[in-house]
N, C-alpha and C. Protein backbone atom coordinates (compact mmCIF):
# COMPACT_ATOMS: atom_id res chain seq x y z
N UNK A 1 49.37 72.44 -106.02
CA UNK A 1 49.92 71.69 -104.92
C UNK A 1 50.19 72.65 -103.76
N UNK A 2 49.67 72.30 -102.63
CA UNK A 2 49.83 73.14 -101.44
C UNK A 2 51.16 72.84 -100.77
N UNK A 3 51.93 73.90 -100.47
CA UNK A 3 53.21 73.72 -99.81
C UNK A 3 52.99 73.52 -98.32
N UNK A 4 53.84 72.67 -97.73
CA UNK A 4 53.77 72.42 -96.29
C UNK A 4 54.27 73.66 -95.56
N UNK A 5 53.59 74.03 -94.48
CA UNK A 5 54.00 75.17 -93.67
C UNK A 5 54.77 74.66 -92.46
N UNK A 6 55.80 75.42 -92.09
CA UNK A 6 56.63 75.05 -90.96
C UNK A 6 56.60 76.15 -89.91
N UNK A 7 56.75 75.73 -88.68
CA UNK A 7 56.92 76.64 -87.56
C UNK A 7 58.33 76.41 -87.03
N UNK A 8 59.17 77.46 -87.06
CA UNK A 8 60.55 77.33 -86.63
C UNK A 8 60.70 77.76 -85.18
N UNK A 9 61.43 76.95 -84.43
CA UNK A 9 61.85 77.34 -83.09
C UNK A 9 63.30 77.78 -83.27
N UNK A 10 63.54 79.08 -83.12
CA UNK A 10 64.87 79.60 -83.43
C UNK A 10 65.23 80.74 -82.49
N UNK A 11 66.49 81.16 -82.60
CA UNK A 11 66.96 82.26 -81.77
C UNK A 11 66.47 83.59 -82.35
N UNK A 12 66.62 84.62 -81.56
CA UNK A 12 66.25 85.96 -82.01
C UNK A 12 67.09 86.37 -83.21
N UNK A 13 68.38 86.05 -83.18
CA UNK A 13 69.26 86.38 -84.30
C UNK A 13 68.81 85.65 -85.57
N UNK A 14 68.49 84.37 -85.43
CA UNK A 14 68.04 83.61 -86.60
C UNK A 14 66.75 84.20 -87.16
N UNK A 15 65.83 84.56 -86.28
CA UNK A 15 64.58 85.17 -86.74
C UNK A 15 64.84 86.50 -87.42
N UNK A 16 65.76 87.28 -86.85
CA UNK A 16 66.10 88.57 -87.46
C UNK A 16 66.63 88.41 -88.88
N UNK A 17 67.46 87.39 -89.08
CA UNK A 17 67.99 87.12 -90.42
C UNK A 17 66.87 86.63 -91.33
N UNK A 18 66.07 85.69 -90.87
CA UNK A 18 65.00 85.14 -91.71
C UNK A 18 63.99 86.20 -92.13
N UNK A 19 63.68 87.12 -91.24
CA UNK A 19 62.71 88.17 -91.56
C UNK A 19 63.17 89.07 -92.70
N UNK A 20 64.48 89.17 -92.91
CA UNK A 20 64.99 90.00 -94.00
C UNK A 20 64.56 89.46 -95.37
N UNK A 21 64.28 88.16 -95.43
CA UNK A 21 63.88 87.55 -96.69
C UNK A 21 62.40 87.81 -97.02
N UNK A 22 61.69 88.50 -96.14
CA UNK A 22 60.34 88.95 -96.47
C UNK A 22 60.41 90.13 -97.44
N UNK A 23 61.55 90.83 -97.45
CA UNK A 23 61.72 92.01 -98.28
C UNK A 23 62.43 91.72 -99.59
N UNK A 24 63.36 90.76 -99.57
CA UNK A 24 64.17 90.43 -100.74
C UNK A 24 64.38 88.93 -100.81
N UNK A 25 64.55 88.42 -102.04
CA UNK A 25 64.78 86.99 -102.22
C UNK A 25 66.25 86.61 -102.07
N UNK A 26 67.14 87.50 -102.46
CA UNK A 26 68.58 87.24 -102.40
C UNK A 26 69.23 88.37 -101.63
N UNK A 27 70.05 88.00 -100.63
CA UNK A 27 70.77 88.99 -99.83
C UNK A 27 72.24 88.58 -99.70
N UNK A 28 73.11 89.56 -99.67
CA UNK A 28 74.53 89.29 -99.45
C UNK A 28 74.81 89.32 -97.95
N UNK A 29 75.97 88.83 -97.58
CA UNK A 29 76.38 88.90 -96.18
C UNK A 29 76.44 90.34 -95.70
N UNK A 30 76.93 91.24 -96.56
CA UNK A 30 77.02 92.66 -96.20
C UNK A 30 75.64 93.25 -95.95
N UNK A 31 74.67 92.92 -96.81
CA UNK A 31 73.32 93.43 -96.64
C UNK A 31 72.69 92.91 -95.34
N UNK A 32 72.89 91.63 -95.07
CA UNK A 32 72.34 91.06 -93.84
C UNK A 32 72.95 91.71 -92.61
N UNK A 33 74.24 91.96 -92.66
CA UNK A 33 74.89 92.59 -91.50
C UNK A 33 74.38 94.02 -91.31
N UNK A 34 74.22 94.74 -92.40
CA UNK A 34 73.72 96.11 -92.31
C UNK A 34 72.29 96.14 -91.78
N UNK A 35 71.46 95.22 -92.23
CA UNK A 35 70.05 95.22 -91.85
C UNK A 35 69.80 94.68 -90.44
N UNK A 36 70.67 93.78 -89.96
CA UNK A 36 70.46 93.18 -88.64
C UNK A 36 71.34 93.79 -87.55
N UNK A 37 72.41 94.49 -87.96
CA UNK A 37 73.37 95.07 -87.01
C UNK A 37 74.06 94.03 -86.15
N UNK A 38 74.18 92.81 -86.64
CA UNK A 38 74.89 91.76 -85.91
C UNK A 38 76.39 91.91 -86.12
N UNK A 39 77.17 91.50 -85.13
CA UNK A 39 78.62 91.49 -85.29
C UNK A 39 79.00 90.42 -86.29
N UNK A 40 80.23 90.47 -86.78
CA UNK A 40 80.70 89.46 -87.74
C UNK A 40 80.54 88.06 -87.19
N UNK A 41 80.98 87.84 -85.96
CA UNK A 41 80.93 86.49 -85.40
C UNK A 41 79.50 86.02 -85.16
N UNK A 42 78.63 86.91 -84.69
CA UNK A 42 77.23 86.54 -84.46
C UNK A 42 76.53 86.23 -85.77
N UNK A 43 76.78 87.06 -86.79
CA UNK A 43 76.15 86.82 -88.09
C UNK A 43 76.64 85.53 -88.71
N UNK A 44 77.95 85.28 -88.64
CA UNK A 44 78.50 84.04 -89.21
C UNK A 44 77.92 82.82 -88.52
N UNK A 45 77.86 82.83 -87.20
CA UNK A 45 77.30 81.69 -86.47
C UNK A 45 75.82 81.48 -86.82
N UNK A 46 75.10 82.58 -86.94
CA UNK A 46 73.68 82.51 -87.29
C UNK A 46 73.48 81.96 -88.68
N UNK A 47 74.23 82.49 -89.64
CA UNK A 47 74.11 82.01 -91.02
C UNK A 47 74.51 80.55 -91.15
N UNK A 48 75.59 80.17 -90.47
CA UNK A 48 76.03 78.76 -90.53
C UNK A 48 74.95 77.82 -89.99
N UNK A 49 74.28 78.22 -88.92
CA UNK A 49 73.23 77.37 -88.37
C UNK A 49 72.06 77.25 -89.34
N UNK A 50 71.72 78.32 -90.04
CA UNK A 50 70.61 78.29 -90.99
C UNK A 50 70.98 77.51 -92.26
N UNK A 51 72.26 77.55 -92.62
CA UNK A 51 72.73 76.77 -93.78
C UNK A 51 72.78 75.29 -93.41
N UNK A 52 73.30 75.00 -92.22
CA UNK A 52 73.43 73.61 -91.78
C UNK A 52 72.07 72.91 -91.70
N UNK A 53 71.05 73.64 -91.33
CA UNK A 53 69.71 73.05 -91.24
C UNK A 53 68.96 73.12 -92.57
N UNK A 54 69.63 73.61 -93.62
CA UNK A 54 69.09 73.71 -94.99
C UNK A 54 67.95 74.70 -95.13
N UNK A 55 67.81 75.60 -94.20
CA UNK A 55 66.79 76.65 -94.31
C UNK A 55 67.25 77.69 -95.33
N UNK A 56 68.55 78.01 -95.30
CA UNK A 56 69.14 78.95 -96.26
C UNK A 56 70.09 78.23 -97.19
N UNK A 57 70.22 78.78 -98.39
CA UNK A 57 71.22 78.32 -99.35
C UNK A 57 72.24 79.44 -99.51
N UNK A 58 73.51 79.05 -99.71
CA UNK A 58 74.57 80.03 -99.86
C UNK A 58 75.25 79.83 -101.22
N UNK A 59 75.59 80.93 -101.88
CA UNK A 59 76.35 80.87 -103.12
C UNK A 59 77.55 81.80 -102.97
N UNK A 60 78.72 81.35 -103.34
CA UNK A 60 79.06 80.01 -103.80
C UNK A 60 79.02 79.00 -102.67
N UNK A 61 78.70 77.77 -103.03
CA UNK A 61 78.58 76.68 -102.06
C UNK A 61 79.94 76.22 -101.56
N UNK A 62 79.91 75.60 -100.38
CA UNK A 62 81.08 74.91 -99.87
C UNK A 62 82.19 75.76 -99.29
N UNK A 63 82.03 77.06 -99.22
CA UNK A 63 83.07 77.90 -98.65
C UNK A 63 83.12 77.67 -97.14
N UNK A 64 84.33 77.63 -96.61
CA UNK A 64 84.49 77.39 -95.17
C UNK A 64 84.20 78.65 -94.37
N UNK A 65 84.57 79.78 -94.92
CA UNK A 65 84.35 81.05 -94.24
C UNK A 65 83.34 81.88 -95.02
N UNK A 66 82.40 82.43 -94.31
CA UNK A 66 81.40 83.28 -94.94
C UNK A 66 81.97 84.69 -95.07
N UNK A 67 81.81 85.26 -96.26
CA UNK A 67 82.27 86.63 -96.48
C UNK A 67 81.06 87.52 -96.74
N UNK A 68 81.31 88.80 -96.79
CA UNK A 68 80.23 89.75 -97.03
C UNK A 68 79.73 89.67 -98.47
N UNK A 69 80.48 89.01 -99.34
CA UNK A 69 80.08 88.89 -100.75
C UNK A 69 79.22 87.66 -101.02
N UNK A 70 79.16 86.72 -100.10
CA UNK A 70 78.33 85.54 -100.31
C UNK A 70 76.87 85.96 -100.45
N UNK A 71 76.14 85.20 -101.24
CA UNK A 71 74.72 85.48 -101.45
C UNK A 71 73.90 84.38 -100.78
N UNK A 72 72.79 84.77 -100.19
CA UNK A 72 71.93 83.84 -99.45
C UNK A 72 70.50 83.93 -99.96
N UNK A 73 69.85 82.77 -100.01
CA UNK A 73 68.44 82.70 -100.38
C UNK A 73 67.76 81.67 -99.49
N UNK A 74 66.44 81.81 -99.34
CA UNK A 74 65.68 80.77 -98.65
C UNK A 74 65.69 79.53 -99.53
N UNK A 75 65.73 78.38 -98.93
CA UNK A 75 65.73 77.12 -99.67
C UNK A 75 64.29 76.77 -100.05
N UNK A 76 63.93 76.90 -101.33
CA UNK A 76 62.55 76.61 -101.73
C UNK A 76 62.21 75.12 -101.64
N UNK A 77 63.24 74.28 -101.56
CA UNK A 77 63.03 72.82 -101.47
C UNK A 77 63.20 72.30 -100.05
N UNK A 78 63.19 73.20 -99.06
CA UNK A 78 63.34 72.78 -97.67
C UNK A 78 62.23 71.80 -97.32
N UNK A 79 62.63 70.70 -96.70
CA UNK A 79 61.66 69.70 -96.26
C UNK A 79 62.08 69.18 -94.89
N UNK A 80 61.08 68.91 -94.10
CA UNK A 80 61.30 68.30 -92.81
C UNK A 80 60.05 67.49 -92.48
N UNK A 81 60.24 66.38 -91.80
CA UNK A 81 59.10 65.52 -91.49
C UNK A 81 58.19 66.13 -90.43
N UNK A 82 58.71 67.09 -89.69
CA UNK A 82 57.92 67.73 -88.63
C UNK A 82 57.44 69.10 -89.08
N UNK A 83 56.27 69.47 -88.62
CA UNK A 83 55.75 70.81 -88.93
C UNK A 83 56.44 71.86 -88.05
N UNK A 84 56.86 71.45 -86.85
CA UNK A 84 57.58 72.35 -85.94
C UNK A 84 59.04 71.94 -85.96
N UNK A 85 59.89 72.83 -86.44
CA UNK A 85 61.30 72.50 -86.66
C UNK A 85 62.18 73.33 -85.73
N UNK A 86 63.05 72.65 -85.01
CA UNK A 86 63.99 73.36 -84.13
C UNK A 86 65.27 73.62 -84.91
N UNK A 87 65.56 74.88 -85.15
CA UNK A 87 66.78 75.22 -85.88
C UNK A 87 67.77 75.95 -84.98
N UNK A 88 67.41 76.14 -83.72
CA UNK A 88 68.29 76.81 -82.78
C UNK A 88 69.46 75.89 -82.45
N UNK A 89 70.65 76.48 -82.35
CA UNK A 89 71.84 75.69 -82.04
C UNK A 89 72.31 76.03 -80.63
N UNK A 90 73.00 75.09 -79.97
CA UNK A 90 73.51 75.37 -78.62
C UNK A 90 74.53 76.51 -78.66
N UNK A 91 74.61 77.24 -77.54
CA UNK A 91 75.55 78.35 -77.45
C UNK A 91 76.99 77.83 -77.46
N UNK A 92 77.87 78.59 -78.08
CA UNK A 92 79.29 78.28 -78.04
C UNK A 92 79.83 78.66 -76.66
N UNK A 93 80.98 78.12 -76.34
CA UNK A 93 81.61 78.39 -75.05
C UNK A 93 81.83 79.89 -74.85
N UNK A 94 82.25 80.60 -75.90
CA UNK A 94 82.49 82.03 -75.81
C UNK A 94 81.20 82.77 -75.46
N UNK A 95 80.08 82.37 -76.07
CA UNK A 95 78.83 83.01 -75.79
C UNK A 95 78.38 82.71 -74.37
N UNK A 96 78.65 81.49 -73.87
CA UNK A 96 78.32 81.12 -72.50
C UNK A 96 79.10 82.00 -71.52
N UNK A 97 80.38 82.21 -71.82
CA UNK A 97 81.21 83.04 -70.95
C UNK A 97 80.69 84.47 -70.92
N UNK A 98 80.31 84.99 -72.07
CA UNK A 98 79.76 86.35 -72.14
C UNK A 98 78.47 86.43 -71.33
N UNK A 99 77.63 85.41 -71.45
CA UNK A 99 76.37 85.38 -70.71
C UNK A 99 76.64 85.33 -69.21
N UNK A 100 77.59 84.51 -68.78
CA UNK A 100 77.94 84.41 -67.36
C UNK A 100 78.48 85.74 -66.85
N UNK A 101 79.30 86.39 -67.65
CA UNK A 101 79.86 87.69 -67.27
C UNK A 101 78.74 88.72 -67.12
N UNK A 102 77.79 88.70 -68.03
CA UNK A 102 76.66 89.63 -67.96
C UNK A 102 75.86 89.41 -66.69
N UNK A 103 75.56 88.15 -66.37
CA UNK A 103 74.82 87.83 -65.14
C UNK A 103 75.58 88.28 -63.90
N UNK A 104 76.90 88.10 -63.89
CA UNK A 104 77.73 88.50 -62.76
C UNK A 104 77.66 90.01 -62.58
N UNK A 105 77.73 90.77 -63.69
CA UNK A 105 77.68 92.23 -63.61
C UNK A 105 76.32 92.71 -63.11
N UNK A 106 75.27 92.05 -63.54
CA UNK A 106 73.92 92.41 -63.08
C UNK A 106 73.81 92.20 -61.58
N UNK A 107 74.31 91.07 -61.09
CA UNK A 107 74.27 90.79 -59.66
C UNK A 107 75.06 91.83 -58.87
N UNK A 108 76.23 92.22 -59.40
CA UNK A 108 77.03 93.24 -58.72
C UNK A 108 76.27 94.56 -58.66
N UNK A 109 75.60 94.91 -59.76
CA UNK A 109 74.83 96.16 -59.77
C UNK A 109 73.67 96.10 -58.79
N UNK A 110 73.03 94.95 -58.69
CA UNK A 110 71.93 94.79 -57.73
C UNK A 110 72.44 94.98 -56.31
N UNK A 111 73.58 94.35 -56.01
CA UNK A 111 74.15 94.46 -54.67
C UNK A 111 74.54 95.90 -54.36
N UNK A 112 75.17 96.58 -55.31
CA UNK A 112 75.56 97.97 -55.13
C UNK A 112 74.34 98.85 -54.93
N UNK A 113 73.32 98.59 -55.72
CA UNK A 113 72.09 99.37 -55.62
C UNK A 113 71.41 99.19 -54.26
N UNK A 114 71.37 97.96 -53.77
CA UNK A 114 70.72 97.72 -52.48
C UNK A 114 71.54 98.30 -51.33
N UNK A 115 72.89 98.28 -51.45
CA UNK A 115 73.73 98.89 -50.43
C UNK A 115 73.53 100.40 -50.41
N UNK A 116 73.44 101.00 -51.58
CA UNK A 116 73.20 102.44 -51.67
C UNK A 116 71.83 102.79 -51.07
N UNK A 117 70.85 101.97 -51.36
CA UNK A 117 69.50 102.20 -50.85
C UNK A 117 69.47 102.14 -49.31
N UNK A 118 70.26 101.22 -48.72
CA UNK A 118 70.32 101.10 -47.27
C UNK A 118 70.96 102.32 -46.63
N UNK A 119 71.92 102.94 -47.33
CA UNK A 119 72.62 104.10 -46.78
C UNK A 119 71.69 105.32 -46.73
N UNK A 120 70.75 105.37 -47.60
CA UNK A 120 69.86 106.55 -47.70
C UNK A 120 68.83 106.50 -46.65
C-alpha cells in the first residue's frame, strides 16, 4: 500500500523541528532545543502547533506544559484530505510586537546611515 505524500506549508521553526526527525524517530524536548537552538518559548509554540495539527505525537499525552523530558515522534497515522497542508499558525501578539520593534530599528538604522552618508 502506497502512503499518501504531503507538502507542508510551515514556518522556518516548524521545518527546523521536522527536519530533526530525518535523523531520529524519537526526540526529547531537550534534544530538539539543542539541535534547533530555539528559545524555550519559540520551541514550545512550535511544538504545540505541530501537535495541534497532529503532525507530531507527544508522550506523555495531555500535558499542558511541554518540558524537556517529553518525547516526540512523527505521527505515522497522520491524514489530511489535502496533499498540501498548511500547518503554520498565526503569530502571537508578543511575536508581532518583536517584529514591529525590529522593523522600527531597521528604519532608524537606515535613516542614520543616510544622514551619515550625506555628511560625508
